[in-house]
PDB file of N, CA and C in Angstrom:
ATOM      1  N   MET A   1     -30.874 -97.990 -35.134  1.00  0.00           N
ATOM      2  CA  MET A   1     -31.476 -97.119 -34.087  1.00  0.00           C
ATOM      3  C   MET A   1     -31.748 -97.754 -32.904  1.00  0.00           C
ATOM      4  N   LEU A   2     -31.935 -98.921 -32.938  1.00  0.00           N
ATOM      5  CA  LEU A   2     -32.200 -99.711 -31.473  1.00  0.00           C
ATOM      6  C   LEU A   2     -30.779 -99.612 -30.945  1.00  0.00           C
ATOM      7  N   ALA A   3     -29.610 -99.810 -31.740  1.00  0.00           N
ATOM      8  CA  ALA A   3     -28.383 -99.597 -31.024  1.00  0.00           C
ATOM      9  C   ALA A   3     -28.079 -98.117 -30.500  1.00  0.00           C
ATOM     10  N   VAL A   4     -28.736 -97.311 -31.103  1.00  0.00           N
ATOM     11  CA  VAL A   4     -28.392 -95.809 -30.558  1.00  0.00           C
ATOM     12  C   VAL A   4     -29.175 -95.684 -29.236  1.00  0.00           C
ATOM     13  N   LEU A   5     -30.371 -96.135 -29.306  1.00  0.00           N
ATOM     14  CA  LEU A   5     -31.308 -95.896 -27.927  1.00  0.00           C
ATOM     15  C   LEU A   5     -30.651 -96.867 -26.754  1.00  0.00           C
ATOM     16  N   LEU A   6     -30.058 -97.967 -27.197  1.00  0.00           N
ATOM     17  CA  LEU A   6     -29.613 -98.882 -26.024  1.00  0.00           C
ATOM     18  C   LEU A   6     -28.150 -98.117 -25.476  1.00  0.00           C
ATOM     19  N   GLY A   7     -27.318 -97.844 -26.591  1.00  0.00           N
ATOM     20  CA  GLY A   7     -26.182 -97.081 -26.322  1.00  0.00           C
ATOM     21  C   GLY A   7     -26.305 -95.880 -25.454  1.00  0.00           C
ATOM     22  N   GLY A   8     -27.359 -94.934 -25.757  1.00  0.00           N
ATOM     23  CA  GLY A   8     -27.348 -93.624 -25.051  1.00  0.00           C
ATOM     24  C   GLY A   8     -27.878 -94.267 -23.600  1.00  0.00           C
ATOM     25  N   ALA A   9     -28.683 -95.221 -23.605  1.00  0.00           N
ATOM     26  CA  ALA A   9     -29.235 -95.433 -22.139  1.00  0.00           C
ATOM     27  C   ALA A   9     -28.245 -96.079 -21.363  1.00  0.00           C
ATOM     28  N   GLY A  10     -27.368 -97.021 -21.896  1.00  0.00           N
ATOM     29  CA  GLY A  10     -26.067 -97.423 -21.257  1.00  0.00           C
ATOM     30  C   GLY A  10     -25.154 -96.346 -20.780  1.00  0.00           C
ATOM     31  N   VAL A  11     -25.058 -95.434 -21.424  1.00  0.00           N
ATOM     32  CA  VAL A  11     -24.081 -94.481 -21.092  1.00  0.00           C
ATOM     33  C   VAL A  11     -24.664 -93.530 -19.886  1.00  0.00           C
ATOM     34  N   THR A  12     -25.955 -93.451 -19.983  1.00  0.00           N
ATOM     35  CA  THR A  12     -26.515 -92.484 -18.788  1.00  0.00           C
ATOM     36  C   THR A  12     -26.433 -93.225 -17.443  1.00  0.00           C
ATOM     37  N   HIS A  13     -26.506 -94.658 -17.433  1.00  0.00           N
ATOM     38  CA  HIS A  13     -26.164 -95.537 -16.138  1.00  0.00           C
ATOM     39  C   HIS A  13     -24.986 -95.225 -15.629  1.00  0.00           C
ATOM     40  N   PHE A  14     -23.990 -94.877 -16.267  1.00  0.00           N
ATOM     41  CA  PHE A  14     -22.636 -94.602 -15.689  1.00  0.00           C
ATOM     42  C   PHE A  14     -22.483 -93.180 -15.349  1.00  0.00           C
ATOM     43  N   LEU A  15     -23.091 -92.049 -16.222  1.00  0.00           N
ATOM     44  CA  LEU A  15     -23.168 -90.695 -15.954  1.00  0.00           C
ATOM     45  C   LEU A  15     -24.146 -90.283 -14.776  1.00  0.00           C
ATOM     46  N   ARG A  16     -25.101 -90.909 -14.590  1.00  0.00           N
ATOM     47  CA  ARG A  16     -26.161 -90.533 -13.677  1.00  0.00           C
ATOM     48  C   ARG A  16     -26.867 -91.758 -12.858  1.00  0.00           C
ATOM     49  N   PRO A  17     -25.804 -92.584 -12.354  1.00  0.00           N
ATOM     50  CA  PRO A  17     -26.188 -93.757 -11.839  1.00  0.00           C
ATOM     51  C   PRO A  17     -27.255 -93.849 -10.471  1.00  0.00           C
ATOM     52  N   ARG A  18     -27.196 -92.529 -10.032  1.00  0.00           N
ATOM     53  CA  ARG A  18     -28.134 -92.607  -8.738  1.00  0.00           C
ATOM     54  C   ARG A  18     -29.786 -92.759  -8.990  1.00  0.00           C
ATOM     55  N   GLY A  19     -30.088 -92.170 -10.102  1.00  0.00           N
ATOM     56  CA  GLY A  19     -31.444 -92.190 -10.660  1.00  0.00           C
ATOM     57  C   GLY A  19     -31.772 -93.781 -10.958  1.00  0.00           C
ATOM     58  N   TYR A  20     -30.826 -94.483 -11.390  1.00  0.00           N
ATOM     59  CA  TYR A  20     -31.090 -95.881 -11.665  1.00  0.00           C
ATOM     60  C   TYR A  20     -31.038 -96.838 -10.501  1.00  0.00           C
ATOM     61  N   ASP A  21     -30.119 -96.456  -9.469  1.00  0.00           N
ATOM     62  CA  ASP A  21     -30.031 -97.083  -8.007  1.00  0.00           C
ATOM     63  C   ASP A  21     -31.442 -96.874  -7.439  1.00  0.00           C
ATOM     64  N   ARG A  22     -32.059 -96.028  -7.540  1.00  0.00           N
ATOM     65  CA  ARG A  22     -33.225 -95.661  -6.679  1.00  0.00           C
ATOM     66  C   ARG A  22     -34.365 -96.648  -7.423  1.00  0.00           C
ATOM     67  N   ILE A  23     -34.513 -97.182  -8.624  1.00  0.00           N
ATOM     68  CA  ILE A  23     -35.471 -97.825  -9.003  1.00  0.00           C
ATOM     69  C   ILE A  23     -35.084 -99.314  -9.089  1.00  0.00           C
ATOM     70  N   VAL A  24     -33.870 -99.975  -8.611  1.00  0.00           N
ATOM     71  CA  VAL A  24     -33.492-101.232  -8.519  1.00  0.00           C
ATOM     72  C   VAL A  24     -34.534-101.976  -7.509  1.00  0.00           C
ATOM     73  N   PRO A  25     -35.218-102.821  -7.911  1.00  0.00           N
ATOM     74  CA  PRO A  25     -36.160-103.611  -6.929  1.00  0.00           C
ATOM     75  C   PRO A  25     -35.115-104.071  -5.872  1.00  0.00           C
ATOM     76  N   SER A  26     -35.899-104.164  -4.792  1.00  0.00           N
ATOM     77  CA  SER A  26     -35.139-104.542  -3.410  1.00  0.00           C
ATOM     78  C   SER A  26     -34.759-106.049  -3.695  1.00  0.00           C
ATOM     79  N   GLY A  27     -33.877-106.370  -2.771  1.00  0.00           N
ATOM     80  CA  GLY A  27     -33.261-107.430  -2.801  1.00  0.00           C
ATOM     81  C   GLY A  27     -31.919-107.698  -3.871  1.00  0.00           C
ATOM     82  N   LEU A  28     -31.742-106.589  -4.623  1.00  0.00           N
ATOM     83  CA  LEU A  28     -30.643-106.535  -5.539  1.00  0.00           C
ATOM     84  C   LEU A  28     -29.719-105.342  -5.050  1.00  0.00           C
ATOM     85  N   PRO A  29     -28.435-105.642  -5.298  1.00  0.00           N
ATOM     86  CA  PRO A  29     -27.602-104.316  -4.838  1.00  0.00           C
ATOM     87  C   PRO A  29     -27.725-103.286  -6.004  1.00  0.00           C
ATOM     88  N   PRO A  30     -28.102-102.030  -5.519  1.00  0.00           N
ATOM     89  CA  PRO A  30     -28.492-101.086  -6.396  1.00  0.00           C
ATOM     90  C   PRO A  30     -27.259-100.682  -7.487  1.00  0.00           C
ATOM     91  N   ARG A  31     -26.186-100.096  -6.994  1.00  0.00           N
ATOM     92  CA  ARG A  31     -25.099 -99.685  -7.707  1.00  0.00           C
ATOM     93  C   ARG A  31     -24.665-100.908  -8.570  1.00  0.00           C
ATOM     94  N   LEU A  32     -24.406-102.124  -8.134  1.00  0.00           N
ATOM     95  CA  LEU A  32     -23.951-103.218  -9.113  1.00  0.00           C
ATOM     96  C   LEU A  32     -24.922-103.418 -10.143  1.00  0.00           C
ATOM     97  N   THR A  33     -26.203-103.520  -9.868  1.00  0.00           N
ATOM     98  CA  THR A  33     -27.183-103.684 -10.675  1.00  0.00           C
ATOM     99  C   THR A  33     -27.395-102.647 -11.877  1.00  0.00           C
ATOM    100  N   THR A  34     -26.993-101.272 -11.245  1.00  0.00           N
ATOM    101  CA  THR A  34     -27.152-100.318 -12.332  1.00  0.00           C
ATOM    102  C   THR A  34     -26.024-100.254 -13.089  1.00  0.00           C
ATOM    103  N   LEU A  35     -24.932-100.563 -12.863  1.00  0.00           N
ATOM    104  CA  LEU A  35     -23.583-100.571 -13.807  1.00  0.00           C
ATOM    105  C   LEU A  35     -23.583-101.789 -14.600  1.00  0.00           C
ATOM    106  N   ALA A  36     -24.216-103.078 -14.140  1.00  0.00           N
ATOM    107  CA  ALA A  36     -24.124-104.240 -15.027  1.00  0.00           C
ATOM    108  C   ALA A  36     -25.471-104.136 -15.884  1.00  0.00           C
ATOM    109  N   SER A  37     -26.409-103.313 -15.723  1.00  0.00           N
ATOM    110  CA  SER A  37     -27.622-103.173 -16.623  1.00  0.00           C
ATOM    111  C   SER A  37     -26.898-102.092 -17.738  1.00  0.00           C
ATOM    112  N   GLY A  38     -26.116-101.019 -17.311  1.00  0.00           N
ATOM    113  CA  GLY A  38     -25.777-100.335 -18.255  1.00  0.00           C
ATOM    114  C   GLY A  38     -24.628-100.882 -19.117  1.00  0.00           C
ATOM    115  N   ALA A  39     -23.944-101.811 -18.555  1.00  0.00           N
ATOM    116  CA  ALA A  39     -22.657-102.405 -19.452  1.00  0.00           C
ATOM    117  C   ALA A  39     -23.450-103.305 -20.397  1.00  0.00           C
ATOM    118  N   ALA A  40     -24.568-104.019 -19.898  1.00  0.00           N
ATOM    119  CA  ALA A  40     -25.352-104.963 -20.603  1.00  0.00           C
ATOM    120  C   ALA A  40     -25.821-104.048 -22.202  1.00  0.00           C
ATOM    121  N   GLU A  41     -26.554-103.003 -21.595  1.00  0.00           N
ATOM    122  CA  GLU A  41     -26.909-102.178 -22.812  1.00  0.00           C
ATOM    123  C   GLU A  41     -26.045-101.758 -23.599  1.00  0.00           C
ATOM    124  N   LEU A  42     -24.841-101.199 -23.303  1.00  0.00           N
ATOM    125  CA  LEU A  42     -23.653-100.934 -24.045  1.00  0.00           C
ATOM    126  C   LEU A  42     -23.176-101.977 -24.974  1.00  0.00           C
ATOM    127  N   GLY A  43     -22.952-103.187 -24.519  1.00  0.00           N
ATOM    128  CA  GLY A  43     -22.703-104.535 -25.004  1.00  0.00           C
ATOM    129  C   GLY A  43     -23.678-104.899 -26.174  1.00  0.00           C
ATOM    130  N   ILE A  44     -24.944-104.796 -25.786  1.00  0.00           N
ATOM    131  CA  ILE A  44     -25.806-104.951 -26.936  1.00  0.00           C
ATOM    132  C   ILE A  44     -25.827-104.109 -27.909  1.00  0.00           C
ATOM    133  N   ALA A  45     -25.742-102.958 -27.627  1.00  0.00           N
ATOM    134  CA  ALA A  45     -25.860-101.948 -28.480  1.00  0.00           C
ATOM    135  C   ALA A  45     -24.515-101.975 -29.609  1.00  0.00           C
ATOM    136  N   ALA A  46     -23.568-102.401 -28.926  1.00  0.00           N
ATOM    137  CA  ALA A  46     -22.316-102.748 -30.005  1.00  0.00           C
ATOM    138  C   ALA A  46     -22.515-103.918 -30.769  1.00  0.00           C
ATOM    139  N   GLY A  47     -23.234-105.064 -30.197  1.00  0.00           N
ATOM    140  CA  GLY A  47     -23.472-106.123 -30.728  1.00  0.00           C
ATOM    141  C   GLY A  47     -24.416-106.020 -32.028  1.00  0.00           C
ATOM    142  N   LEU A  48     -25.369-104.859 -31.895  1.00  0.00           N
ATOM    143  CA  LEU A  48     -26.475-104.693 -32.989  1.00  0.00           C
ATOM    144  C   LEU A  48     -25.727-103.898 -33.969  1.00  0.00           C
ATOM    145  N   ALA A  49     -24.725-103.233 -33.805  1.00  0.00           N
ATOM    146  CA  ALA A  49     -23.921-102.495 -34.696  1.00  0.00           C
ATOM    147  C   ALA A  49     -23.153-103.268 -35.709  1.00  0.00           C
ATOM    148  N   VAL A  50     -22.921-104.577 -35.384  1.00  0.00           N
ATOM    149  CA  VAL A  50     -22.023-105.503 -36.176  1.00  0.00           C
ATOM    150  C   VAL A  50     -22.970-106.464 -36.698  1.00  0.00           C
ATOM    151  N   PRO A  51     -22.997-106.677 -38.046  1.00  0.00           N
ATOM    152  CA  PRO A  51     -23.961-107.368 -38.702  1.00  0.00           C
ATOM    153  C   PRO A  51     -24.043-108.895 -38.373  1.00  0.00           C
ATOM    154  N   THR A  52     -22.816-109.302 -37.964  1.00  0.00           N
ATOM    155  CA  THR A  52     -22.621-110.844 -37.447  1.00  0.00           C
ATOM    156  C   THR A  52     -22.996-111.197 -36.248  1.00  0.00           C
ATOM    157  N   THR A  53     -23.300-110.098 -35.438  1.00  0.00           N
ATOM    158  CA  THR A  53     -23.931-110.400 -34.102  1.00  0.00           C
ATOM    159  C   THR A  53     -25.107-109.939 -33.978  1.00  0.00           C
ATOM    160  N   ARG A  54     -25.899-109.375 -34.974  1.00  0.00           N
ATOM    161  CA  ARG A  54     -26.941-108.375 -34.860  1.00  0.00           C
ATOM    162  C   ARG A  54     -28.196-109.426 -34.321  1.00  0.00           C
ATOM    163  N   ARG A  55     -28.383-110.418 -34.842  1.00  0.00           N
ATOM    164  CA  ARG A  55     -29.362-111.453 -34.443  1.00  0.00           C
ATOM    165  C   ARG A  55     -29.249-111.853 -33.076  1.00  0.00           C
ATOM    166  N   ALA A  56     -28.363-112.111 -32.688  1.00  0.00           N
ATOM    167  CA  ALA A  56     -28.067-112.651 -31.109  1.00  0.00           C
ATOM    168  C   ALA A  56     -28.418-111.401 -30.228  1.00  0.00           C
ATOM    169  N   SER A  57     -27.678-110.216 -30.722  1.00  0.00           N
ATOM    170  CA  SER A  57     -28.144-108.986 -30.056  1.00  0.00           C
ATOM    171  C   SER A  57     -29.373-108.389 -29.791  1.00  0.00           C
ATOM    172  N   GLY A  58     -30.345-108.785 -30.908  1.00  0.00           N
ATOM    173  CA  GLY A  58     -31.599-108.333 -31.089  1.00  0.00           C
ATOM    174  C   GLY A  58     -32.339-109.271 -30.052  1.00  0.00           C
ATOM    175  N   TRP A  59     -32.044-110.672 -29.942  1.00  0.00           N
ATOM    176  CA  TRP A  59     -32.716-111.446 -28.785  1.00  0.00           C
ATOM    177  C   TRP A  59     -32.308-110.975 -27.372  1.00  0.00           C
ATOM    178  N   ALA A  60     -31.042-110.633 -27.292  1.00  0.00           N
ATOM    179  CA  ALA A  60     -30.495-110.208 -26.167  1.00  0.00           C
ATOM    180  C   ALA A  60     -31.178-108.754 -25.721  1.00  0.00           C
ATOM    181  N   ALA A  61     -31.395-108.028 -26.361  1.00  0.00           N
ATOM    182  CA  ALA A  61     -32.101-106.602 -26.265  1.00  0.00           C
ATOM    183  C   ALA A  61     -33.369-107.070 -25.893  1.00  0.00           C
ATOM    184  N   ALA A  62     -34.172-107.826 -26.400  1.00  0.00           N
ATOM    185  CA  ALA A  62     -35.620-108.371 -25.986  1.00  0.00           C
ATOM    186  C   ALA A  62     -35.566-108.861 -24.517  1.00  0.00           C
ATOM    187  N   ALA A  63     -34.553-109.655 -24.300  1.00  0.00           N
ATOM    188  CA  ALA A  63     -34.534-110.142 -22.816  1.00  0.00           C
ATOM    189  C   ALA A  63     -34.180-109.100 -21.903  1.00  0.00           C
ATOM    190  N   LEU A  64     -33.280-108.300 -22.361  1.00  0.00           N
ATOM    191  CA  LEU A  64     -32.861-107.172 -21.379  1.00  0.00           C
ATOM    192  C   LEU A  64     -34.189-106.316 -20.990  1.00  0.00           C
ATOM    193  N   PHE A  65     -34.981-106.008 -22.113  1.00  0.00           N
ATOM    194  CA  PHE A  65     -36.094-105.206 -21.903  1.00  0.00           C
ATOM    195  C   PHE A  65     -37.042-105.801 -20.994  1.00  0.00           C
ATOM    196  N   LEU A  66     -37.022-107.114 -21.062  1.00  0.00           N
ATOM    197  CA  LEU A  66     -38.065-107.800 -20.304  1.00  0.00           C
ATOM    198  C   LEU A  66     -37.354-107.875 -18.902  1.00  0.00           C
ATOM    199  N   ALA A  67     -36.191-107.919 -18.641  1.00  0.00           N
ATOM    200  CA  ALA A  67     -35.607-108.021 -17.455  1.00  0.00           C
ATOM    201  C   ALA A  67     -35.525-106.864 -16.610  1.00  0.00           C
ATOM    202  N   VAL A  68     -35.634-105.725 -17.212  1.00  0.00           N
ATOM    203  CA  VAL A  68     -35.698-104.258 -16.659  1.00  0.00           C
ATOM    204  C   VAL A  68     -37.195-103.878 -16.330  1.00  0.00           C
ATOM    205  N   PHE A  69     -38.073-104.598 -16.873  1.00  0.00           N
ATOM    206  CA  PHE A  69     -39.452-104.083 -16.655  1.00  0.00           C
ATOM    207  C   PHE A  69     -39.815-103.990 -15.063  1.00  0.00           C
ATOM    208  N   PRO A  70     -39.378-105.141 -14.207  1.00  0.00           N
ATOM    209  CA  PRO A  70     -39.735-104.658 -12.578  1.00  0.00           C
ATOM    210  C   PRO A  70     -39.124-103.482 -12.184  1.00  0.00           C
ATOM    211  N   ALA A  71     -38.039-102.857 -12.674  1.00  0.00           N
ATOM    212  CA  ALA A  71     -37.529-101.504 -12.252  1.00  0.00           C
ATOM    213  C   ALA A  71     -38.490-100.447 -12.769  1.00  0.00           C
ATOM    214  N   ASN A  72     -38.925-100.528 -13.989  1.00  0.00           N
ATOM    215  CA  ASN A  72     -39.915 -99.458 -14.459  1.00  0.00           C
ATOM    216  C   ASN A  72     -41.322 -99.544 -13.577  1.00  0.00           C
ATOM    217  N   VAL A  73     -41.517-100.790 -13.225  1.00  0.00           N
ATOM    218  CA  VAL A  73     -42.783-100.820 -12.391  1.00  0.00           C
ATOM    219  C   VAL A  73     -42.573-100.392 -10.890  1.00  0.00           C
ATOM    220  N   LYS A  74     -41.344-100.605 -10.352  1.00  0.00           N
ATOM    221  CA  LYS A  74     -40.956-100.075  -9.081  1.00  0.00           C
ATOM    222  C   LYS A  74     -40.808 -98.523  -9.265  1.00  0.00           C
ATOM    223  N   MET A  75     -40.429 -97.866 -10.188  1.00  0.00           N
ATOM    224  CA  MET A  75     -40.356 -96.476 -10.362  1.00  0.00           C
ATOM    225  C   MET A  75     -41.748 -96.032 -10.312  1.00  0.00           C
ATOM    226  N   ALA A  76     -42.792 -96.394 -11.238  1.00  0.00           N
ATOM    227  CA  ALA A  76     -44.029 -95.903 -11.151  1.00  0.00           C
ATOM    228  C   ALA A  76     -44.702 -95.992  -9.758  1.00  0.00           C
ATOM    229  N   GLY A  77     -44.509 -97.228  -9.169  1.00  0.00           N
ATOM    230  CA  GLY A  77     -45.075 -97.259  -7.781  1.00  0.00           C
ATOM    231  C   GLY A  77     -44.602 -96.265  -6.835  1.00  0.00           C
ATOM    232  N   ASP A  78     -43.300 -96.175  -6.923  1.00  0.00           N
ATOM    233  CA  ASP A  78     -42.594 -95.103  -5.789  1.00  0.00           C
ATOM    234  C   ASP A  78     -43.166 -93.739  -6.346  1.00  0.00           C
ATOM    235  N   LEU A  79     -43.134 -93.434  -7.320  1.00  0.00           N
ATOM    236  CA  LEU A  79     -43.852 -91.987  -7.890  1.00  0.00           C
ATOM    237  C   LEU A  79     -45.128 -91.946  -7.452  1.00  0.00           C
ATOM    238  N   LEU A  80     -46.035 -92.976  -7.529  1.00  0.00           N
ATOM    239  CA  LEU A  80     -47.376 -92.993  -7.255  1.00  0.00           C
ATOM    240  C   LEU A  80     -47.430 -92.770  -5.647  1.00  0.00           C
ATOM    241  N   ASP A  81     -46.557 -93.359  -5.145  1.00  0.00           N
ATOM    242  CA  ASP A  81     -46.855 -93.484  -3.336  1.00  0.00           C
ATOM    243  C   ASP A  81     -46.158 -92.110  -2.975  1.00  0.00           C
ATOM    244  N   SER A  82     -45.419 -91.357  -3.549  1.00  0.00           N
ATOM    245  CA  SER A  82     -44.594 -90.263  -3.202  1.00  0.00           C
ATOM    246  C   SER A  82     -45.567 -88.967  -3.289  1.00  0.00           C
ATOM    247  N   PRO A  83     -45.884 -88.228  -2.012  1.00  0.00           N
ATOM    248  CA  PRO A  83     -46.490 -86.963  -2.334  1.00  0.00           C
ATOM    249  C   PRO A  83     -45.875 -85.829  -2.841  1.00  0.00           C
ATOM    250  N   ARG A  84     -44.534 -86.156  -2.902  1.00  0.00           N
ATOM    251  CA  ARG A  84     -43.427 -85.006  -3.533  1.00  0.00           C
ATOM    252  C   ARG A  84     -43.342 -85.194  -4.745  1.00  0.00           C
ATOM    253  N   SER A  85     -43.826 -86.252  -5.568  1.00  0.00           N
ATOM    254  CA  SER A  85     -43.723 -86.261  -7.092  1.00  0.00           C
ATOM    255  C   SER A  85     -44.901 -85.422  -7.619  1.00  0.00           C
ATOM    256  N   SER A  86     -44.419 -85.116  -8.851  1.00  0.00           N
ATOM    257  CA  SER A  86     -45.429 -84.175  -9.436  1.00  0.00           C
ATOM    258  C   SER A  86     -46.503 -85.060 -10.283  1.00  0.00           C
ATOM    259  N   ARG A  87     -47.599 -84.501 -10.536  1.00  0.00           N
ATOM    260  CA  ARG A  87     -48.504 -85.134 -11.148  1.00  0.00           C
ATOM    261  C   ARG A  87     -48.036 -85.665 -12.745  1.00  0.00           C
ATOM    262  N   ALA A  88     -47.054 -84.726 -13.312  1.00  0.00           N
ATOM    263  CA  ALA A  88     -46.667 -85.066 -14.663  1.00  0.00           C
ATOM    264  C   ALA A  88     -45.635 -86.265 -14.582  1.00  0.00           C
ATOM    265  N   ALA A  89     -44.894 -86.382 -13.526  1.00  0.00           N
ATOM    266  CA  ALA A  89     -43.879 -87.544 -13.364  1.00  0.00           C
ATOM    267  C   ALA A  89     -44.621 -88.709 -12.973  1.00  0.00           C
ATOM    268  N   ARG A  90     -45.837 -88.751 -12.215  1.00  0.00           N
ATOM    269  CA  ARG A  90     -46.569 -89.955 -11.911  1.00  0.00           C
ATOM    270  C   ARG A  90     -47.215 -90.376 -13.394  1.00  0.00           C
ATOM    271  N   LEU A  91     -47.744 -89.348 -14.104  1.00  0.00           N
ATOM    272  CA  LEU A  91     -48.496 -89.915 -15.179  1.00  0.00           C
ATOM    273  C   LEU A  91     -47.366 -90.382 -16.355  1.00  0.00           C
ATOM    274  N   VAL A  92     -46.123 -89.890 -16.499  1.00  0.00           N
ATOM    275  CA  VAL A  92     -45.330 -90.326 -17.288  1.00  0.00           C
ATOM    276  C   VAL A  92     -44.583 -91.652 -17.011  1.00  0.00           C
ATOM    277  N   SER A  93     -44.615 -91.875 -15.741  1.00  0.00           N
ATOM    278  CA  SER A  93     -43.860 -93.451 -15.284  1.00  0.00           C
ATOM    279  C   SER A  93     -45.088 -94.344 -15.514  1.00  0.00           C
ATOM    280  N   VAL A  94     -46.330 -94.056 -15.421  1.00  0.00           N
ATOM    281  CA  VAL A  94     -47.323 -95.095 -15.740  1.00  0.00           C
ATOM    282  C   VAL A  94     -47.657 -95.167 -17.243  1.00  0.00           C
ATOM    283  N   LEU A  95     -47.476 -94.083 -17.897  1.00  0.00           N
ATOM    284  CA  LEU A  95     -47.675 -94.236 -19.206  1.00  0.00           C
ATOM    285  C   LEU A  95     -46.611 -94.923 -19.998  1.00  0.00           C
ATOM    286  N   ARG A  96     -45.351 -95.027 -19.360  1.00  0.00           N
ATOM    287  CA  ARG A  96     -44.031 -95.571 -19.977  1.00  0.00           C
ATOM    288  C   ARG A  96     -44.293 -97.062 -19.779  1.00  0.00           C
ATOM    289  N   LEU A  97     -44.784 -97.591 -18.951  1.00  0.00           N
ATOM    290  CA  LEU A  97     -44.921 -98.956 -18.675  1.00  0.00           C
ATOM    291  C   LEU A  97     -45.340 -99.943 -19.861  1.00  0.00           C
ATOM    292  N   PRO A  98     -46.440 -99.174 -20.647  1.00  0.00           N
ATOM    293  CA  PRO A  98     -47.055-100.080 -21.948  1.00  0.00           C
ATOM    294  C   PRO A  98     -45.996 -99.972 -23.059  1.00  0.00           C
ATOM    295  N   LEU A  99     -45.058 -98.972 -22.747  1.00  0.00           N
ATOM    296  CA  LEU A  99     -44.105 -98.707 -24.088  1.00  0.00           C
ATOM    297  C   LEU A  99     -42.896 -99.581 -23.912  1.00  0.00           C
ATOM    298  N   GLN A 100     -43.011-100.459 -22.944  1.00  0.00           N
ATOM    299  CA  GLN A 100     -41.868-101.623 -23.087  1.00  0.00           C
ATOM    300  C   GLN A 100     -42.311-102.562 -23.917  1.00  0.00           C
ATOM    301  N   ALA A 101     -43.583-102.833 -24.282  1.00  0.00           N
ATOM    302  CA  ALA A 101     -43.948-103.951 -25.272  1.00  0.00           C
ATOM    303  C   ALA A 101     -43.530-103.631 -26.720  1.00  0.00           C
ATOM    304  N   PRO A 102     -43.591-102.484 -27.030  1.00  0.00           N
ATOM    305  CA  PRO A 102     -43.014-102.109 -28.605  1.00  0.00           C
ATOM    306  C   PRO A 102     -41.558-102.259 -28.659  1.00  0.00           C
ATOM    307  N   LEU A 103     -41.106-102.011 -27.461  1.00  0.00           N
ATOM    308  CA  LEU A 103     -39.391-102.167 -27.387  1.00  0.00           C
ATOM    309  C   LEU A 103     -39.113-103.500 -27.454  1.00  0.00           C
ATOM    310  N   VAL A 104     -39.906-104.454 -26.920  1.00  0.00           N
ATOM    311  CA  VAL A 104     -39.430-105.942 -26.905  1.00  0.00           C
ATOM    312  C   VAL A 104     -39.855-106.504 -28.344  1.00  0.00           C
ATOM    313  N   ALA A 105     -41.150-105.979 -28.790  1.00  0.00           N
ATOM    314  CA  ALA A 105     -41.333-106.454 -30.282  1.00  0.00           C
ATOM    315  C   ALA A 105     -40.364-105.934 -31.157  1.00  0.00           C
ATOM    316  N   TRP A 106     -39.836-104.536 -31.180  1.00  0.00           N
ATOM    317  CA  TRP A 106     -38.737-104.272 -32.129  1.00  0.00           C
ATOM    318  C   TRP A 106     -37.587-104.980 -31.975  1.00  0.00           C
ATOM    319  N   ALA A 107     -36.985-105.414 -30.789  1.00  0.00           N
ATOM    320  CA  ALA A 107     -35.932-106.050 -30.489  1.00  0.00           C
ATOM    321  C   ALA A 107     -36.127-107.662 -31.162  1.00  0.00           C
ATOM    322  N   VAL A 108     -37.397-108.038 -30.779  1.00  0.00           N
ATOM    323  CA  VAL A 108     -37.590-109.455 -31.294  1.00  0.00           C
ATOM    324  C   VAL A 108     -37.621-109.368 -33.010  1.00  0.00           C
ATOM    325  N   ARG A 109     -38.042-108.421 -33.513  1.00  0.00           N
ATOM    326  CA  ARG A 109     -38.146-108.326 -34.975  1.00  0.00           C
ATOM    327  C   ARG A 109     -36.458-108.276 -35.538  1.00  0.00           C
ATOM    328  N   VAL A 110     -35.707-107.501 -34.747  1.00  0.00           N
ATOM    329  CA  VAL A 110     -34.191-107.335 -35.085  1.00  0.00           C
ATOM    330  C   VAL A 110     -33.676-108.916 -34.855  1.00  0.00           C
ATOM    331  N   GLY A 111     -34.003-109.446 -33.960  1.00  0.00           N
ATOM    332  CA  GLY A 111     -33.476-110.913 -33.677  1.00  0.00           C
ATOM    333  C   GLY A 111     -33.865-111.966 -34.796  1.00  0.00           C
ATOM    334  N   ARG A 112     -35.146-111.645 -35.151  1.00  0.00           N
ATOM    335  CA  ARG A 112     -35.506-112.784 -36.284  1.00  0.00           C
ATOM    336  C   ARG A 112     -35.155-112.359 -37.594  1.00  0.00           C
ATOM    337  N   HIS A 113     -34.931-110.951 -37.892  1.00  0.00           N
ATOM    338  CA  HIS A 113     -34.777-110.832 -39.481  1.00  0.00           C
ATOM    339  C   HIS A 113     -33.267-110.170 -39.652  1.00  0.00           C
ATOM    340  N   ALA A 114     -32.509-110.165 -38.846  1.00  0.00           N
ATOM    341  CA  ALA A 114     -31.273-109.892 -39.087  1.00  0.00           C
ATOM    342  C   ALA A 114     -30.511-111.105 -39.769  1.00  0.00           C
ATOM    343  N   PRO A 115     -29.614-110.484 -40.776  1.00  0.00           N
ATOM    344  CA  PRO A 115     -28.917-111.470 -41.659  1.00  0.00           C
ATOM    345  C   PRO A 115     -28.024-112.335 -40.778  1.00  0.00           C
ATOM    346  N   THR A 116     -28.075-113.736 -41.192  1.00  0.00           N
ATOM    347  CA  THR A 116     -27.403-114.587 -40.443  1.00  0.00           C
ATOM    348  C   THR A 116     -25.815-114.712 -40.747  1.00  0.00           C
ATOM    349  N   ARG A 117     -25.485-113.843 -41.636  1.00  0.00           N
ATOM    350  CA  ARG A 117     -24.046-113.678 -41.961  1.00  0.00           C
ATOM    351  C   ARG A 117     -23.496-112.178 -42.262  1.00  0.00           C
TER     352      ARG A 117
END
């Protein structure tokens, strides 16, 4: 299931990159960062699907979820600062932030409990 979530997210980085480009923290090249994170999500998803690489991929997913958290914070801040954003968009972006913790925990569980062979 984690592989499906990451695979779906990875695909959207390539199908609709502009939305991701906008939330890349300043100082990083937006399109390159979007494509690299999408490729990482696809690679980790593939690794989660293979039993021999599931453990390492679980840990990689946890690291990725932590690494993209600043983009989620930037997105929430941008929406809160924008007079054009809807109240619903602001609320969803803020409520989404604490959801990162269960994703990290899920990935850590996969990393810890995946079979070693």
